[in-house]
Amino acid sequence: LWAVAERRELASLRGHTDVAFDAAFAPDGRTLATAGWDGTIRLWHVATGQELTTLTLPGNGQAWGVSFAPDGTTLAASRNGPAFLWPAASGSGVAKGF
């Protein structure tokens, strides 16, 4: 994470075992979600850079995209196929494929 105006690094997020392909901030700006080619979605606390949780897409394959609902209640992830949804507040529970 970078403070662009100040041109300085805020945190280095380490956790994915392959390329992080996409990232999205929650509407309140406190959480960042990253989608990795390792098939995981990781949630990060923006202020500290600490990993909050790791979500694994069902089946095999890379996570290509991640996004929060405009109201921040749902997290969506996709790959070449279905999209998966989780409650964003807990970052847990069973992913629902659509």
C-alpha atoms as a PDB file:
ATOM      1  CA  LEU A   1       0.000   0.000   0.000  1.00  0.00           C
ATOM      2  CA  TRP A   2       1.291   3.426  -0.907  1.00  0.00           C
ATOM      3  CA  ALA A   3       0.548   6.973   0.190  1.00  0.00           C
ATOM      4  CA  VAL A   4       0.705   8.320  -3.349  1.00  0.00           C
ATOM      5  CA  ALA A   5       0.740  12.023  -2.487  1.00  0.00           C
ATOM      6  CA  GLU A   6       3.625  11.452  -0.069  1.00  0.00           C
ATOM      7  CA  ARG A   7       5.358   8.916  -2.320  1.00  0.00           C
ATOM      8  CA  ARG A   8       5.934   6.495   0.510  1.00  0.00           C
ATOM      9  CA  GLU A   9       5.089   2.894   1.247  1.00  0.00           C
ATOM     10  CA  LEU A  10       2.572   2.329   4.023  1.00  0.00           C
ATOM     11  CA  ALA A  11       2.628  -1.469   4.134  1.00  0.00           C
ATOM     12  CA  SER A  12       3.821  -4.469   2.177  1.00  0.00           C
ATOM     13  CA  LEU A  13       1.082  -7.090   2.030  1.00  0.00           C
ATOM     14  CA  ARG A  14       2.488 -10.608   2.066  1.00  0.00           C
ATOM     15  CA  GLY A  15       0.346 -13.700   1.956  1.00  0.00           C
ATOM     16  CA  HIS A  16      -0.531 -14.807  -1.570  1.00  0.00           C
ATOM     17  CA  THR A  17       1.657 -17.627  -2.849  1.00  0.00           C
ATOM     18  CA  ASP A  18       1.279 -16.420  -6.453  1.00  0.00           C
ATOM     19  CA  VAL A  19       0.391 -13.183  -8.240  1.00  0.00           C
ATOM     20  CA  ALA A  20      -2.275 -10.953  -6.688  1.00  0.00           C
ATOM     21  CA  PHE A  21      -4.347 -10.205  -9.781  1.00  0.00           C
ATOM     22  CA  ASP A  22      -6.933  -7.728  -8.481  1.00  0.00           C
ATOM     23  CA  ALA A  23      -7.633  -5.557  -5.438  1.00  0.00           C
ATOM     24  CA  ALA A  24     -10.612  -3.583  -4.134  1.00  0.00           C
ATOM     25  CA  PHE A  25     -11.177  -1.290  -1.177  1.00  0.00           C
ATOM     26  CA  ALA A  26     -14.309  -1.630   0.924  1.00  0.00           C
ATOM     27  CA  PRO A  27     -16.562   1.434   0.650  1.00  0.00           C
ATOM     28  CA  ASP A  28     -15.441   2.671   4.092  1.00  0.00           C
ATOM     29  CA  GLY A  29     -11.766   2.410   3.055  1.00  0.00           C
ATOM     30  CA  ARG A  30     -10.761   0.333   6.091  1.00  0.00           C
ATOM     31  CA  THR A  31     -10.470  -3.056   4.372  1.00  0.00           C
ATOM     32  CA  LEU A  32      -8.693  -4.110   1.177  1.00  0.00           C
ATOM     33  CA  ALA A  33      -9.522  -7.370  -0.597  1.00  0.00           C
ATOM     34  CA  THR A  34      -7.021  -8.996  -2.958  1.00  0.00           C
ATOM     35  CA  ALA A  35      -7.671 -11.798  -5.457  1.00  0.00           C
ATOM     36  CA  GLY A  36      -4.769 -14.169  -6.073  1.00  0.00           C
ATOM     37  CA  TRP A  37      -3.818 -16.684  -8.668  1.00  0.00           C
ATOM     38  CA  ASP A  38      -3.321 -19.042  -5.720  1.00  0.00           C
ATOM     39  CA  GLY A  39      -7.152 -19.293  -5.588  1.00  0.00           C
ATOM     40  CA  THR A  40      -7.494 -17.195  -2.457  1.00  0.00           C
ATOM     41  CA  ILE A  41      -9.131 -13.932  -1.541  1.00  0.00           C
ATOM     42  CA  ARG A  42      -7.356 -12.133   1.284  1.00  0.00           C
ATOM     43  CA  LEU A  43      -8.774  -9.334   3.399  1.00  0.00           C
ATOM     44  CA  TRP A  44      -6.374  -6.762   4.836  1.00  0.00           C
ATOM     45  CA  HIS A  45      -6.696  -4.048   7.469  1.00  0.00           C
ATOM     46  CA  VAL A  46      -5.626  -0.928   5.570  1.00  0.00           C
ATOM     47  CA  ALA A  47      -4.346   1.059   8.563  1.00  0.00           C
ATOM     48  CA  THR A  48      -2.040  -1.715   9.810  1.00  0.00           C
ATOM     49  CA  GLY A  49      -1.421  -3.873   6.728  1.00  0.00           C
ATOM     50  CA  GLN A  50      -2.362  -6.940   8.763  1.00  0.00           C
ATOM     51  CA  GLU A  51      -4.164  -9.825   7.079  1.00  0.00           C
ATOM     52  CA  LEU A  52      -7.656 -10.251   8.519  1.00  0.00           C
ATOM     53  CA  THR A  53      -8.669 -13.510   6.867  1.00  0.00           C
ATOM     54  CA  THR A  54      -8.131 -15.774   3.879  1.00  0.00           C
ATOM     55  CA  LEU A  55     -11.034 -17.066   1.806  1.00  0.00           C
ATOM     56  CA  THR A  56     -10.532 -19.940  -0.628  1.00  0.00           C
ATOM     57  CA  LEU A  57     -12.583 -20.229  -3.801  1.00  0.00           C
ATOM     58  CA  PRO A  58     -14.302 -23.614  -4.093  1.00  0.00           C
ATOM     59  CA  GLY A  59     -12.749 -25.945  -6.656  1.00  0.00           C
ATOM     60  CA  ASN A  60      -9.551 -25.224  -8.518  1.00  0.00           C
ATOM     61  CA  GLY A  61      -8.365 -22.130 -10.317  1.00  0.00           C
ATOM     62  CA  GLN A  62      -7.180 -18.598  -9.912  1.00  0.00           C
ATOM     63  CA  ALA A  63      -9.142 -15.723  -8.454  1.00  0.00           C
ATOM     64  CA  TRP A  64      -9.409 -13.131 -11.225  1.00  0.00           C
ATOM     65  CA  GLY A  65     -11.433 -10.386  -9.620  1.00  0.00           C
ATOM     66  CA  VAL A  66     -12.769  -9.097  -6.342  1.00  0.00           C
ATOM     67  CA  SER A  67     -15.270  -6.378  -5.439  1.00  0.00           C
ATOM     68  CA  PHE A  68     -17.343  -5.099  -2.542  1.00  0.00           C
ATOM     69  CA  ALA A  69     -21.039  -4.280  -2.864  1.00  0.00           C
ATOM     70  CA  PRO A  70     -21.640  -0.506  -2.755  1.00  0.00           C
ATOM     71  CA  ASP A  71     -23.087  -0.824   0.765  1.00  0.00           C
ATOM     72  CA  GLY A  72     -20.088  -2.892   1.904  1.00  0.00           C
ATOM     73  CA  THR A  73     -22.135  -5.869   3.096  1.00  0.00           C
ATOM     74  CA  THR A  74     -21.086  -8.389   0.455  1.00  0.00           C
ATOM     75  CA  LEU A  75     -17.761  -9.401  -1.052  1.00  0.00           C
ATOM     76  CA  ALA A  76     -17.756 -10.919  -4.539  1.00  0.00           C
ATOM     77  CA  ALA A  77     -14.949 -12.841  -6.232  1.00  0.00           C
ATOM     78  CA  SER A  78     -14.722 -14.390  -9.654  1.00  0.00           C
ATOM     79  CA  ARG A  79     -12.606 -16.534 -11.893  1.00  0.00           C
ATOM     80  CA  ASN A  80     -13.141 -17.911 -15.367  1.00  0.00           C
ATOM     81  CA  GLY A  81     -16.553 -19.245 -14.447  1.00  0.00           C
ATOM     82  CA  PRO A  82     -18.941 -18.511 -11.584  1.00  0.00           C
ATOM     83  CA  ALA A  83     -18.861 -15.615  -9.163  1.00  0.00           C
ATOM     84  CA  PHE A  84     -18.781 -16.289  -5.424  1.00  0.00           C
ATOM     85  CA  LEU A  85     -20.290 -14.164  -2.646  1.00  0.00           C
ATOM     86  CA  TRP A  86     -19.471 -13.866   1.067  1.00  0.00           C
ATOM     87  CA  PRO A  87     -20.833 -11.648   3.847  1.00  0.00           C
ATOM     88  CA  ALA A  88     -18.155  -8.945   3.976  1.00  0.00           C
ATOM     89  CA  ALA A  89     -18.429  -8.168   7.682  1.00  0.00           C
ATOM     90  CA  SER A  90     -17.272 -11.590   8.803  1.00  0.00           C
ATOM     91  CA  GLY A  91     -15.326 -12.686   5.734  1.00  0.00           C
ATOM     92  CA  SER A  92     -16.445 -16.183   6.602  1.00  0.00           C
ATOM     93  CA  GLY A  93     -19.141 -18.641   5.808  1.00  0.00           C
ATOM     94  CA  VAL A  94     -19.714 -20.713   2.743  1.00  0.00           C
ATOM     95  CA  ALA A  95     -19.182 -19.042  -0.597  1.00  0.00           C
ATOM     96  CA  LYS A  96     -22.315 -18.966  -2.702  1.00  0.00           C
ATOM     97  CA  GLY A  97     -21.574 -19.550  -6.386  1.00  0.00           C
ATOM     98  CA  PHE A  98     -23.618 -17.850  -9.092  1.00  0.00           C
END
